[in-house]
Amino acid sequence: MKQNKYDDSGFFAKYSQMRRSIGGLEAAGEWPAFRAMLPELRDKKVLDLGCGFGWHCRYAREQHASSVVGVDLSENMLERARANNKDSGVEYLQLAIEDIDFAAEQFDVVISSLALHYVEHFDIICQKVHHCLKPGGAFVLSVEHPVYTAMAEQDWYYGPQGEKLHWPVDGYQNEGARLARFLDNDVVKYHRTIATHMNALIESGFSMNKLSEPQPTREMLDEIPGMLDELRRPMFLLIAAVKN
């Protein structure tokens, strides 16, 4: 199922007002951990799956990547990415992640930030990424954490005074689609266990370098109201893998 909610004008307008949409990578809570998991990008050919506004494409070029390809299904996203980053070293392709078909060993690094939980068949994407990576190439990705995606409601359990009592986890082993609410819209996300993520990568020919379940930075805890609640459950899962 290929989703393109971001070309809905109302949804895109709301997404554009999110903190990370305005502030870029520095406004993304998981960015410090994600950045630390990236390999050296100088002179590398980089592919960004689900590139959105192109923040990671710009960062790769700032780190002197030789070329970057950004893939996204949304015309709105790519229009904003091109406007934000007029760089001849970045090529943007309007394409579903599921439809990528790059040449063997075309890239040195593949990244994907918070996009693959919208893709039904993670294992197939892993195989396609493995195909287009050079031997020893890196695949660094982030998804919503399985603790976060297990229940479609993706919300706290509240007490009688509206206090956040705990984060409920149920149906964890029941993988598949979840109809979640995001920015007042119904969005399909795909829940997978941590083991499924890991095994799909291993079976596709990757070795694991690092896993991360990042916490908010001290600056975010100090500056953003309610951020302390983000210490109570993981929201993101980050994986760095290398092609054998």
Foldseek 3Di string as FASTA:
>chain_A
DFDACCQVVVLVVLVCPDQCNVVPLVSDQCNVVLVVLDDQQAQWEEEEAQCFLVRVVVVSVVSHHQAYEYEAQYPVRVVNNCVVDVDPRYHYDNDHLLPDDDAFQQGQEYEYEADCQQPFCPLSSLLRVLRNHDAFGKYKYKHWALQQPQAQASDADADPVRHRDARDHPNSVVWAWHQHADSNDTGIGTHDHPVVNVVSNVVSAKDWDDKDQDQGDPVCVVPPPPSVVCVRDGTMIMTMITHD
